[in-house]
Amino acid sequence: MASLFVADLHLDLARPHLVELFERYLASDEVRGAQALYILGDLVEAWVGDDDDAELPARIATATRAVRDAGVPVYFMVGNRDFLLGEEFADRAGFTLLDDAVVHDIGGTPTLLMHGDSLCTDDLAYQAVRAEVRTPQWKARFLAQPLAARRAFAAKARDASRSHTGSASESIMDVNAQAVAGAMREHGVTRLIHGHTHRPAVHALDLDGQPAERIVLGDWYEHGSVLRVAADAVELRGL
């Protein structure tokens, strides 16, 4: 049996074909026969709170809960777009929540799982914002606002993110090699799986004289992307 990984789906009803692709994929034999399904952050374009009564969160919860009810664990790690997702929605969706930077045995190999944004240490502006909005105080203030105000804020934040992405250099927005090596050393692993950068690839590394690998998950802006990991094979492909 294989474990399946997705990240950076950025699901949005403005891209209905990708929402439908997600629903179809979760109903597929591959998913229903998997060892586990891992969603490593940025499942949606923006998450404004577990009390969001919009159509999309309900559809997501229905699709993922069905996977869990079929006997396949669904692990979820927040990303920069859905860091406000909490226990209430996780219970509805059948998620087991994971901390960012956690080690799981995947196909017999201890594997470090991350969203990936914390590895982009050269992007100082992004890291400053990330540190601010992840505090309990900021999250409590934001979630105390009316739902309409939160939706308006999220729309502005998406515009600001697009502006920053368009103006920052490609190298700054990618992971920092020293941050990658440091995280792998800290957790004692030779394999890392992450998303965030939207640059799907399997990178061979030398980590202190040992062979290692960093697997980057693809985004779902144009089509689906999934990583399948079994004891004898690693396959990163589009859907």
Foldseek 3Di string as FASTA:
>chain_A
DWEKEAEAQQDDVVCVVSLVVVLVVLVDPDLLVHQAYEYAENNHVADQAPPDPDDSLVSQLVSQVVSVVSPHAYEYEYDPRHLRDDDVSCVSSRYDYDYAFDWDQGQNFTETEHQAQVQLVLQPVVVVVVVVCNDPVNSVVSNPDDPVVSVVVSVVVSVVVVVCVVPDDLSSRHGDPVSVLVSCVVVVGQEYEHERSQPADWDWDQRVNDIGIYGYWHYDPPFAWMWITHNVDIDTDTD
